[in-house]
Amino acid sequence: MIQVKLFDEEHEADLEVEMNYFLEQLDEHRIVDIKYNVAVIREDEEEQIYCFSAMVIYRT
């Protein structure tokens, strides 16, 4: 069976920590793919919000 684990953080370092913790628990041969995305939302002239996200596709 194929499953996914989604991650979403405001800072790339937080995403890295969360993903590394999850991947430590997973046997390497079960990983199918990892997708990564960065989105920037500009609320006004002064503020930008970053969204760092990733999806791990793996076999159970």
C-alpha atoms as a PDB file:
ATOM      1  CA  MET A   1       0.000   0.000   0.000  1.00  0.00           C
ATOM      2  CA  ILE A   2       1.228   3.506  -0.847  1.00  0.00           C
ATOM      3  CA  GLN A   3       0.751   6.314   1.676  1.00  0.00           C
ATOM      4  CA  VAL A   4       1.798   9.945   2.031  1.00  0.00           C
ATOM      5  CA  LYS A   5       2.992  12.110   4.900  1.00  0.00           C
ATOM      6  CA  LEU A   6       2.542  15.871   4.522  1.00  0.00           C
ATOM      7  CA  PHE A   7       4.681  18.530   6.175  1.00  0.00           C
ATOM      8  CA  ASP A   8       4.005  22.284   6.306  1.00  0.00           C
ATOM      9  CA  GLU A   9       6.148  24.828   8.165  1.00  0.00           C
ATOM     10  CA  GLU A  10       6.786  28.572   8.106  1.00  0.00           C
ATOM     11  CA  HIS A  11      10.572  28.120   8.375  1.00  0.00           C
ATOM     12  CA  GLU A  12      12.717  25.783   6.302  1.00  0.00           C
ATOM     13  CA  ALA A  13      14.726  24.692   9.356  1.00  0.00           C
ATOM     14  CA  ASP A  14      11.518  23.535  11.077  1.00  0.00           C
ATOM     15  CA  LEU A  15      10.560  21.551   7.981  1.00  0.00           C
ATOM     16  CA  GLU A  16      13.977  19.921   7.953  1.00  0.00           C
ATOM     17  CA  VAL A  17      13.696  18.878  11.606  1.00  0.00           C
ATOM     18  CA  GLU A  18      10.195  17.430  11.195  1.00  0.00           C
ATOM     19  CA  MET A  19      11.070  15.544   8.028  1.00  0.00           C
ATOM     20  CA  ASN A  20      14.314  14.142   9.413  1.00  0.00           C
ATOM     21  CA  TYR A  21      12.498  12.857  12.485  1.00  0.00           C
ATOM     22  CA  PHE A  22       9.893  11.114  10.312  1.00  0.00           C
ATOM     23  CA  LEU A  23      12.490   9.686   7.929  1.00  0.00           C
ATOM     24  CA  GLU A  24      14.527   8.259  10.822  1.00  0.00           C
ATOM     25  CA  GLN A  25      11.510   6.082  11.670  1.00  0.00           C
ATOM     26  CA  LEU A  26      11.127   4.837   8.091  1.00  0.00           C
ATOM     27  CA  ASP A  27      13.219   2.155   6.375  1.00  0.00           C
ATOM     28  CA  GLU A  28      14.976   3.721   3.398  1.00  0.00           C
ATOM     29  CA  HIS A  29      13.730   1.117   0.909  1.00  0.00           C
ATOM     30  CA  ARG A  30      10.109   2.112   1.676  1.00  0.00           C
ATOM     31  CA  ILE A  31      10.552   5.667   0.341  1.00  0.00           C
ATOM     32  CA  VAL A  32       9.046   6.100  -3.121  1.00  0.00           C
ATOM     33  CA  ASP A  33       9.519   9.864  -3.611  1.00  0.00           C
ATOM     34  CA  ILE A  34       9.769  13.205  -1.832  1.00  0.00           C
ATOM     35  CA  LYS A  35       8.152  16.363  -3.236  1.00  0.00           C
ATOM     36  CA  TYR A  36       9.118  19.841  -2.011  1.00  0.00           C
ATOM     37  CA  ASN A  37       7.424  23.211  -2.473  1.00  0.00           C
ATOM     38  CA  VAL A  38       7.856  26.816  -1.349  1.00  0.00           C
ATOM     39  CA  ALA A  39       5.060  29.377  -1.506  1.00  0.00           C
ATOM     40  CA  VAL A  40       5.240  33.075  -0.722  1.00  0.00           C
ATOM     41  CA  ILE A  41       2.152  35.061   0.162  1.00  0.00           C
ATOM     42  CA  ARG A  42       2.396  38.812   0.211  1.00  0.00           C
ATOM     43  CA  GLU A  43      -0.260  40.212   2.523  1.00  0.00           C
ATOM     44  CA  ASP A  44       0.741  43.831   2.065  1.00  0.00           C
ATOM     45  CA  GLU A  45       3.757  45.935   1.095  1.00  0.00           C
ATOM     46  CA  GLU A  46       5.630  45.071   4.303  1.00  0.00           C
ATOM     47  CA  GLU A  47       4.738  41.480   5.171  1.00  0.00           C
ATOM     48  CA  GLN A  48       5.459  38.235   3.380  1.00  0.00           C
ATOM     49  CA  ILE A  49       4.492  34.792   4.632  1.00  0.00           C
ATOM     50  CA  TYR A  50       6.533  31.793   3.563  1.00  0.00           C
ATOM     51  CA  CYS A  51       5.193  28.269   3.446  1.00  0.00           C
ATOM     52  CA  PHE A  52       7.689  25.413   3.135  1.00  0.00           C
ATOM     53  CA  SER A  53       5.980  22.115   2.451  1.00  0.00           C
ATOM     54  CA  ALA A  54       6.904  18.598   1.493  1.00  0.00           C
ATOM     55  CA  MET A  55       5.232  15.292   0.817  1.00  0.00           C
ATOM     56  CA  VAL A  56       6.869  11.944   1.450  1.00  0.00           C
ATOM     57  CA  ILE A  57       5.407   9.104  -0.595  1.00  0.00           C
ATOM     58  CA  TYR A  58       6.201   5.718   0.946  1.00  0.00           C
ATOM     59  CA  ARG A  59       5.179   2.064   1.085  1.00  0.00           C
ATOM     60  CA  THR A  60       3.633   0.588   4.207  1.00  0.00           C
END
